[in-house]
PDB file of all heavy atoms in Angstrom:
ATOM      1  N   THR A   1     -12.230 -12.690   7.890  1.00  0.00           N
ATOM      2  CA  THR A   1     -12.766 -12.137   6.650  1.00  0.00           C
ATOM      3  C   THR A   1     -13.598 -10.873   6.867  1.00  0.00           C
ATOM      4  O   THR A   1     -14.080 -10.286   5.899  1.00  0.00           O
ATOM      5  CB  THR A   1     -13.642 -13.184   5.939  1.00  0.00           C
ATOM      6  OG1 THR A   1     -14.678 -13.622   6.826  1.00  0.00           O
ATOM      7  CG2 THR A   1     -12.798 -14.387   5.519  1.00  0.00           C
ATOM      8  N   ALA A   2     -13.754 -10.455   8.108  1.00  0.00           N
ATOM      9  CA  ALA A   2     -14.567  -9.274   8.392  1.00  0.00           C
ATOM     10  C   ALA A   2     -13.864  -8.008   7.909  1.00  0.00           C
ATOM     11  O   ALA A   2     -12.652  -7.844   8.086  1.00  0.00           O
ATOM     12  CB  ALA A   2     -14.851  -9.180   9.889  1.00  0.00           C
ATOM     13  N   ALA A   3     -14.646  -7.112   7.319  1.00  0.00           N
ATOM     14  CA  ALA A   3     -14.076  -5.844   6.852  1.00  0.00           C
ATOM     15  C   ALA A   3     -13.495  -5.039   8.004  1.00  0.00           C
ATOM     16  O   ALA A   3     -12.506  -4.313   7.834  1.00  0.00           O
ATOM     17  CB  ALA A   3     -15.145  -5.037   6.118  1.00  0.00           C
ATOM     18  N   SER A   4     -14.086  -5.176   9.185  1.00  0.00           N
ATOM     19  CA  SER A   4     -13.592  -4.428  10.339  1.00  0.00           C
ATOM     20  C   SER A   4     -12.183  -4.855  10.729  1.00  0.00           C
ATOM     21  O   SER A   4     -11.386  -4.032  11.210  1.00  0.00           O
ATOM     22  CB  SER A   4     -14.541  -4.609  11.529  1.00  0.00           C
ATOM     23  OG  SER A   4     -14.668  -5.976  11.871  1.00  0.00           O
ATOM     24  N   THR A   5     -11.850  -6.131  10.517  1.00  0.00           N
ATOM     25  CA  THR A   5     -10.497  -6.609  10.831  1.00  0.00           C
ATOM     26  C   THR A   5      -9.478  -5.963   9.900  1.00  0.00           C
ATOM     27  O   THR A   5      -8.420  -5.492  10.339  1.00  0.00           O
ATOM     28  CB  THR A   5     -10.421  -8.135  10.723  1.00  0.00           C
ATOM     29  OG1 THR A   5     -11.343  -8.728  11.647  1.00  0.00           O
ATOM     30  CG2 THR A   5      -9.013  -8.637  11.028  1.00  0.00           C
ATOM     31  N   GLU A   6      -9.796  -5.926   8.628  1.00  0.00           N
ATOM     32  CA  GLU A   6      -8.890  -5.277   7.675  1.00  0.00           C
ATOM     33  C   GLU A   6      -8.713  -3.807   8.018  1.00  0.00           C
ATOM     34  O   GLU A   6      -7.594  -3.279   7.947  1.00  0.00           O
ATOM     35  CB  GLU A   6      -9.426  -5.426   6.258  1.00  0.00           C
ATOM     36  CG  GLU A   6      -8.516  -4.783   5.211  1.00  0.00           C
ATOM     37  CD  GLU A   6      -9.067  -4.916   3.798  1.00  0.00           C
ATOM     38  OE1 GLU A   6     -10.206  -5.384   3.639  1.00  0.00           O
ATOM     39  OE2 GLU A   6      -8.344  -4.518   2.851  1.00  0.00           O
ATOM     40  N   ARG A   7      -9.792  -3.153   8.392  1.00  0.00           N
ATOM     41  CA  ARG A   7      -9.692  -1.727   8.742  1.00  0.00           C
ATOM     42  C   ARG A   7      -8.797  -1.528   9.957  1.00  0.00           C
ATOM     43  O   ARG A   7      -8.004  -0.574  10.002  1.00  0.00           O
ATOM     44  CB  ARG A   7     -11.083  -1.156   9.016  1.00  0.00           C
ATOM     45  CG  ARG A   7     -11.919  -0.946   7.756  1.00  0.00           C
ATOM     46  CD  ARG A   7     -13.113  -0.046   8.038  1.00  0.00           C
ATOM     47  NE  ARG A   7     -14.028  -0.638   9.012  1.00  0.00           N
ATOM     48  CZ  ARG A   7     -15.070  -1.402   8.700  1.00  0.00           C
ATOM     49  NH1 ARG A   7     -15.319  -1.676   7.425  1.00  0.00           N
ATOM     50  NH2 ARG A   7     -15.863  -1.878   9.640  1.00  0.00           N
ATOM     51  N   ARG A   8      -8.919  -2.419  10.948  1.00  0.00           N
ATOM     52  CA  ARG A   8      -8.066  -2.301  12.145  1.00  0.00           C
ATOM     53  C   ARG A   8      -6.598  -2.468  11.789  1.00  0.00           C
ATOM     54  O   ARG A   8      -5.740  -1.740  12.295  1.00  0.00           O
ATOM     55  CB  ARG A   8      -8.475  -3.330  13.202  1.00  0.00           C
ATOM     56  CG  ARG A   8      -9.757  -3.029  13.921  1.00  0.00           C
ATOM     57  CD  ARG A   8      -9.838  -3.782  15.245  1.00  0.00           C
ATOM     58  NE  ARG A   8      -9.612  -5.202  15.102  1.00  0.00           N
ATOM     59  CZ  ARG A   8     -10.571  -6.092  14.811  1.00  0.00           C
ATOM     60  NH1 ARG A   8     -11.811  -5.684  14.582  1.00  0.00           N
ATOM     61  NH2 ARG A   8     -10.293  -7.376  14.726  1.00  0.00           N
ATOM     62  N   VAL A   9      -6.309  -3.423  10.928  1.00  0.00           N
ATOM     63  CA  VAL A   9      -4.919  -3.669  10.536  1.00  0.00           C
ATOM     64  C   VAL A   9      -4.355  -2.463   9.799  1.00  0.00           C
ATOM     65  O   VAL A   9      -3.246  -1.994  10.095  1.00  0.00           O
ATOM     66  CB  VAL A   9      -4.815  -4.932   9.660  1.00  0.00           C
ATOM     67  CG1 VAL A   9      -3.408  -5.069   9.071  1.00  0.00           C
ATOM     68  CG2 VAL A   9      -5.163  -6.174  10.473  1.00  0.00           C
ATOM     69  N   LEU A  10      -5.103  -1.939   8.843  1.00  0.00           N
ATOM     70  CA  LEU A  10      -4.622  -0.790   8.072  1.00  0.00           C
ATOM     71  C   LEU A  10      -4.494   0.448   8.947  1.00  0.00           C
ATOM     72  O   LEU A  10      -3.545   1.230   8.780  1.00  0.00           O
ATOM     73  CB  LEU A  10      -5.569  -0.523   6.902  1.00  0.00           C
ATOM     74  CG  LEU A  10      -5.619  -1.623   5.831  1.00  0.00           C
ATOM     75  CD1 LEU A  10      -6.628  -1.268   4.757  1.00  0.00           C
ATOM     76  CD2 LEU A  10      -4.243  -1.866   5.231  1.00  0.00           C
ATOM     77  N   ALA A  11      -5.422   0.602   9.896  1.00  0.00           N
ATOM     78  CA  ALA A  11      -5.338   1.747  10.816  1.00  0.00           C
ATOM     79  C   ALA A  11      -4.103   1.628  11.701  1.00  0.00           C
ATOM     80  O   ALA A  11      -3.437   2.630  11.992  1.00  0.00           O
ATOM     81  CB  ALA A  11      -6.597   1.833  11.676  1.00  0.00           C
ATOM     82  N   ALA A  12      -3.790   0.403  12.119  1.00  0.00           N
ATOM     83  CA  ALA A  12      -2.601   0.188  12.950  1.00  0.00           C
ATOM     84  C   ALA A  12      -1.326   0.484  12.165  1.00  0.00           C
ATOM     85  O   ALA A  12      -0.368   1.049  12.706  1.00  0.00           O
ATOM     86  CB  ALA A  12      -2.583  -1.251  13.470  1.00  0.00           C
ATOM     87  N   VAL A  13      -1.303   0.111  10.892  1.00  0.00           N
ATOM     88  CA  VAL A  13      -0.144   0.416  10.051  1.00  0.00           C
ATOM     89  C   VAL A  13       0.007   1.925   9.894  1.00  0.00           C
ATOM     90  O   VAL A  13       1.108   2.475  10.005  1.00  0.00           O
ATOM     91  CB  VAL A  13      -0.269  -0.267   8.675  1.00  0.00           C
ATOM     92  CG1 VAL A  13       0.841   0.210   7.735  1.00  0.00           C
ATOM     93  CG2 VAL A  13      -0.214  -1.785   8.824  1.00  0.00           C
ATOM     94  N   ASP A  14      -1.102   2.617   9.636  1.00  0.00           N
ATOM     95  CA  ASP A  14      -1.057   4.076   9.510  1.00  0.00           C
ATOM     96  C   ASP A  14      -0.556   4.731  10.795  1.00  0.00           C
ATOM     97  O   ASP A  14       0.224   5.694  10.759  1.00  0.00           O
ATOM     98  CB  ASP A  14      -2.447   4.621   9.165  1.00  0.00           C
ATOM     99  CG  ASP A  14      -2.833   4.358   7.725  1.00  0.00           C
ATOM    100  OD1 ASP A  14      -1.928   4.087   6.915  1.00  0.00           O
ATOM    101  OD2 ASP A  14      -4.033   4.413   7.409  1.00  0.00           O
ATOM    102  N   ASP A  15      -1.008   4.206  11.933  1.00  0.00           N
ATOM    103  CA  ASP A  15      -0.575   4.754  13.217  1.00  0.00           C
ATOM    104  C   ASP A  15       0.927   4.557  13.406  1.00  0.00           C
ATOM    105  O   ASP A  15       1.626   5.457  13.886  1.00  0.00           O
ATOM    106  CB  ASP A  15      -1.343   4.072  14.355  1.00  0.00           C
ATOM    107  CG  ASP A  15      -0.951   4.617  15.724  1.00  0.00           C
ATOM    108  OD1 ASP A  15      -1.225   5.801  15.999  1.00  0.00           O
ATOM    109  OD2 ASP A  15      -0.361   3.857  16.524  1.00  0.00           O
ATOM    110  N   ALA A  16       1.416   3.379  13.018  1.00  0.00           N
ATOM    111  CA  ALA A  16       2.854   3.117  13.127  1.00  0.00           C
ATOM    112  C   ALA A  16       3.649   4.050  12.220  1.00  0.00           C
ATOM    113  O   ALA A  16       4.689   4.597  12.614  1.00  0.00           O
ATOM    114  CB  ALA A  16       3.147   1.657  12.786  1.00  0.00           C
ATOM    115  N   LEU A  17       3.161   4.252  11.007  1.00  0.00           N
ATOM    116  CA  LEU A  17       3.843   5.154  10.081  1.00  0.00           C
ATOM    117  C   LEU A  17       3.893   6.569  10.639  1.00  0.00           C
ATOM    118  O   LEU A  17       4.894   7.282  10.471  1.00  0.00           O
ATOM    119  CB  LEU A  17       3.136   5.144   8.727  1.00  0.00           C
ATOM    120  CG  LEU A  17       3.273   3.854   7.909  1.00  0.00           C
ATOM    121  CD1 LEU A  17       2.329   3.896   6.715  1.00  0.00           C
ATOM    122  CD2 LEU A  17       4.708   3.651   7.439  1.00  0.00           C
ATOM    123  N   SER A  18       2.817   6.980  11.327  1.00  0.00           N
ATOM    124  CA  SER A  18       2.789   8.329  11.912  1.00  0.00           C
ATOM    125  C   SER A  18       3.809   8.479  13.024  1.00  0.00           C
ATOM    126  O   SER A  18       4.207   9.599  13.364  1.00  0.00           O
ATOM    127  CB  SER A  18       1.386   8.642  12.443  1.00  0.00           C
ATOM    128  OG  SER A  18       1.106   7.918  13.629  1.00  0.00           O
ATOM    129  N   LYS A  19       4.249   7.367  13.600  1.00  0.00           N
ATOM    130  CA  LYS A  19       5.273   7.387  14.650  1.00  0.00           C
ATOM    131  C   LYS A  19       6.677   7.347  14.075  1.00  0.00           C
ATOM    132  O   LYS A  19       7.655   7.310  14.817  1.00  0.00           O
ATOM    133  CB  LYS A  19       5.071   6.209  15.605  1.00  0.00           C
ATOM    134  CG  LYS A  19       3.815   6.271  16.464  1.00  0.00           C
ATOM    135  CD  LYS A  19       3.742   5.054  17.380  1.00  0.00           C
ATOM    136  CE  LYS A  19       2.651   5.184  18.433  1.00  0.00           C
ATOM    137  NZ  LYS A  19       1.298   5.118  17.858  1.00  0.00           N
ATOM    138  N   GLY A  20       6.785   7.299  12.759  1.00  0.00           N
ATOM    139  CA  GLY A  20       8.089   7.256  12.127  1.00  0.00           C
ATOM    140  C   GLY A  20       8.592   5.860  11.837  1.00  0.00           C
ATOM    141  O   GLY A  20       9.745   5.683  11.434  1.00  0.00           O
ATOM    142  N   ILE A  21       7.750   4.861  12.023  1.00  0.00           N
ATOM    143  CA  ILE A  21       8.149   3.473  11.772  1.00  0.00           C
ATOM    144  C   ILE A  21       8.003   3.177  10.292  1.00  0.00           C
ATOM    145  O   ILE A  21       6.923   3.349   9.721  1.00  0.00           O
ATOM    146  CB  ILE A  21       7.300   2.509  12.623  1.00  0.00           C
ATOM    147  CG1 ILE A  21       7.584   2.753  14.103  1.00  0.00           C
ATOM    148  CG2 ILE A  21       7.586   1.053  12.247  1.00  0.00           C
ATOM    149  CD1 ILE A  21       6.601   2.093  15.035  1.00  0.00           C
ATOM    150  N   GLU A  22       9.067   2.713   9.684  1.00  0.00           N
ATOM    151  CA  GLU A  22       9.055   2.428   8.253  1.00  0.00           C
ATOM    152  C   GLU A  22       9.388   0.977   7.953  1.00  0.00           C
ATOM    153  O   GLU A  22       9.225   0.528   6.809  1.00  0.00           O
ATOM    154  CB  GLU A  22      10.037   3.345   7.528  1.00  0.00           C
ATOM    155  CG  GLU A  22       9.691   4.832   7.662  1.00  0.00           C
ATOM    156  CD  GLU A  22      10.672   5.724   6.960  1.00  0.00           C
ATOM    157  OE1 GLU A  22      11.742   5.213   6.539  1.00  0.00           O
ATOM    158  OE2 GLU A  22      10.384   6.928   6.818  1.00  0.00           O
ATOM    159  N   GLU A  23       9.873   0.262   8.930  1.00  0.00           N
ATOM    160  CA  GLU A  23      10.206  -1.140   8.734  1.00  0.00           C
ATOM    161  C   GLU A  23      10.177  -1.855  10.072  1.00  0.00           C
ATOM    162  O   GLU A  23      10.211  -1.225  11.134  1.00  0.00           O
ATOM    163  CB  GLU A  23      11.587  -1.287   8.097  1.00  0.00           C
ATOM    164  CG  GLU A  23      12.711  -0.730   8.969  1.00  0.00           C
ATOM    165  CD  GLU A  23      14.079  -0.882   8.338  1.00  0.00           C
ATOM    166  OE1 GLU A  23      14.173  -1.589   7.319  1.00  0.00           O
ATOM    167  OE2 GLU A  23      15.035  -0.317   8.862  1.00  0.00           O
ATOM    168  N   ALA A  24      10.075  -3.169  10.002  1.00  0.00           N
ATOM    169  CA  ALA A  24      10.105  -3.997  11.199  1.00  0.00           C
ATOM    170  C   ALA A  24      11.363  -4.877  11.162  1.00  0.00           C
ATOM    171  O   ALA A  24      11.800  -5.277  10.081  1.00  0.00           O
ATOM    172  CB  ALA A  24       8.854  -4.865  11.268  1.00  0.00           C
ATOM    173  N   PRO A  25      11.949  -5.123  12.354  1.00  0.00           N
ATOM    174  CA  PRO A  25      11.474  -4.762  13.688  1.00  0.00           C
ATOM    175  C   PRO A  25      11.772  -3.309  14.050  1.00  0.00           C
ATOM    176  O   PRO A  25      12.743  -2.728  13.571  1.00  0.00           O
ATOM    177  CB  PRO A  25      12.265  -5.706  14.591  1.00  0.00           C
ATOM    178  CG  PRO A  25      13.562  -5.918  13.861  1.00  0.00           C
ATOM    179  CD  PRO A  25      13.181  -5.949  12.407  1.00  0.00           C
ATOM    180  N   ALA A  26      10.907  -2.778  14.902  1.00  0.00           N
ATOM    181  CA  ALA A  26      11.101  -1.429  15.434  1.00  0.00           C
ATOM    182  C   ALA A  26      10.593  -1.421  16.868  1.00  0.00           C
ATOM    183  O   ALA A  26       9.469  -1.859  17.135  1.00  0.00           O
ATOM    184  CB  ALA A  26      10.358  -0.407  14.601  1.00  0.00           C
ATOM    185  N   LEU A  27      11.415  -0.942  17.772  1.00  0.00           N
ATOM    186  CA  LEU A  27      11.076  -0.905  19.190  1.00  0.00           C
ATOM    187  C   LEU A  27      10.795   0.533  19.603  1.00  0.00           C
ATOM    188  O   LEU A  27      11.619   1.425  19.392  1.00  0.00           O
ATOM    189  CB  LEU A  27      12.230  -1.471  20.028  1.00  0.00           C
ATOM    190  CG  LEU A  27      12.010  -1.508  21.542  1.00  0.00           C
ATOM    191  CD1 LEU A  27      10.916  -2.497  21.923  1.00  0.00           C
ATOM    192  CD2 LEU A  27      13.329  -1.847  22.257  1.00  0.00           C
ATOM    193  N   VAL A  28       9.616   0.754  20.195  1.00  0.00           N
ATOM    194  CA  VAL A  28       9.255   2.073  20.714  1.00  0.00           C
ATOM    195  C   VAL A  28       9.335   2.017  22.233  1.00  0.00           C
ATOM    196  O   VAL A  28       8.644   1.221  22.878  1.00  0.00           O
ATOM    197  CB  VAL A  28       7.839   2.489  20.267  1.00  0.00           C
ATOM    198  CG1 VAL A  28       7.465   3.828  20.893  1.00  0.00           C
ATOM    199  CG2 VAL A  28       7.768   2.572  18.749  1.00  0.00           C
ATOM    200  N   VAL A  29      10.181   2.856  22.785  1.00  0.00           N
ATOM    201  CA  VAL A  29      10.428   2.862  24.231  1.00  0.00           C
ATOM    202  C   VAL A  29       9.731   4.062  24.851  1.00  0.00           C
ATOM    203  O   VAL A  29      10.020   5.209  24.509  1.00  0.00           O
ATOM    204  CB  VAL A  29      11.945   2.927  24.527  1.00  0.00           C
ATOM    205  CG1 VAL A  29      12.193   2.827  26.031  1.00  0.00           C
ATOM    206  CG2 VAL A  29      12.689   1.835  23.781  1.00  0.00           C
ATOM    207  N   GLY A  30       8.790   3.788  25.753  1.00  0.00           N
ATOM    208  CA  GLY A  30       8.109   4.855  26.466  1.00  0.00           C
ATOM    209  C   GLY A  30       7.389   5.848  25.581  1.00  0.00           C
ATOM    210  O   GLY A  30       7.218   7.009  25.957  1.00  0.00           O
ATOM    211  N   GLU A  31       7.003   5.421  24.385  1.00  0.00           N
ATOM    212  CA  GLU A  31       6.309   6.290  23.429  1.00  0.00           C
ATOM    213  C   GLU A  31       7.152   7.492  23.015  1.00  0.00           C
ATOM    214  O   GLU A  31       6.628   8.481  22.497  1.00  0.00           O
ATOM    215  CB  GLU A  31       4.954   6.758  23.981  1.00  0.00           C
ATOM    216  CG  GLU A  31       4.003   5.619  24.286  1.00  0.00           C
ATOM    217  CD  GLU A  31       2.633   6.099  24.731  1.00  0.00           C
ATOM    218  OE1 GLU A  31       2.426   7.322  24.804  1.00  0.00           O
ATOM    219  OE2 GLU A  31       1.764   5.248  24.988  1.00  0.00           O
ATOM    220  N   GLU A  32       8.475   7.410  23.219  1.00  0.00           N
ATOM    221  CA  GLU A  32       9.352   8.540  22.896  1.00  0.00           C
ATOM    222  C   GLU A  32      10.550   8.134  22.054  1.00  0.00           C
ATOM    223  O   GLU A  32      10.907   8.840  21.105  1.00  0.00           O
ATOM    224  CB  GLU A  32       9.851   9.200  24.189  1.00  0.00           C
ATOM    225  CG  GLU A  32       8.777   9.878  25.006  1.00  0.00           C
ATOM    226  CD  GLU A  32       9.370  10.525  26.239  1.00  0.00           C
ATOM    227  OE1 GLU A  32       9.825   9.783  27.147  1.00  0.00           O
ATOM    228  OE2 GLU A  32       9.393  11.763  26.291  1.00  0.00           O
TER     229      GLU A  32
END
C-alpha cells in the first residue's frame, strides 16, 4: 500500500514503454 511501490511500478512501465515495449510478453536481448 506504500505510495513508493506504486511509483516504482509506474516508473518501470514508463521505462519499458521508452524501450518500445507495448505489450507482454516481450524479450529484450542484450539491451538491443
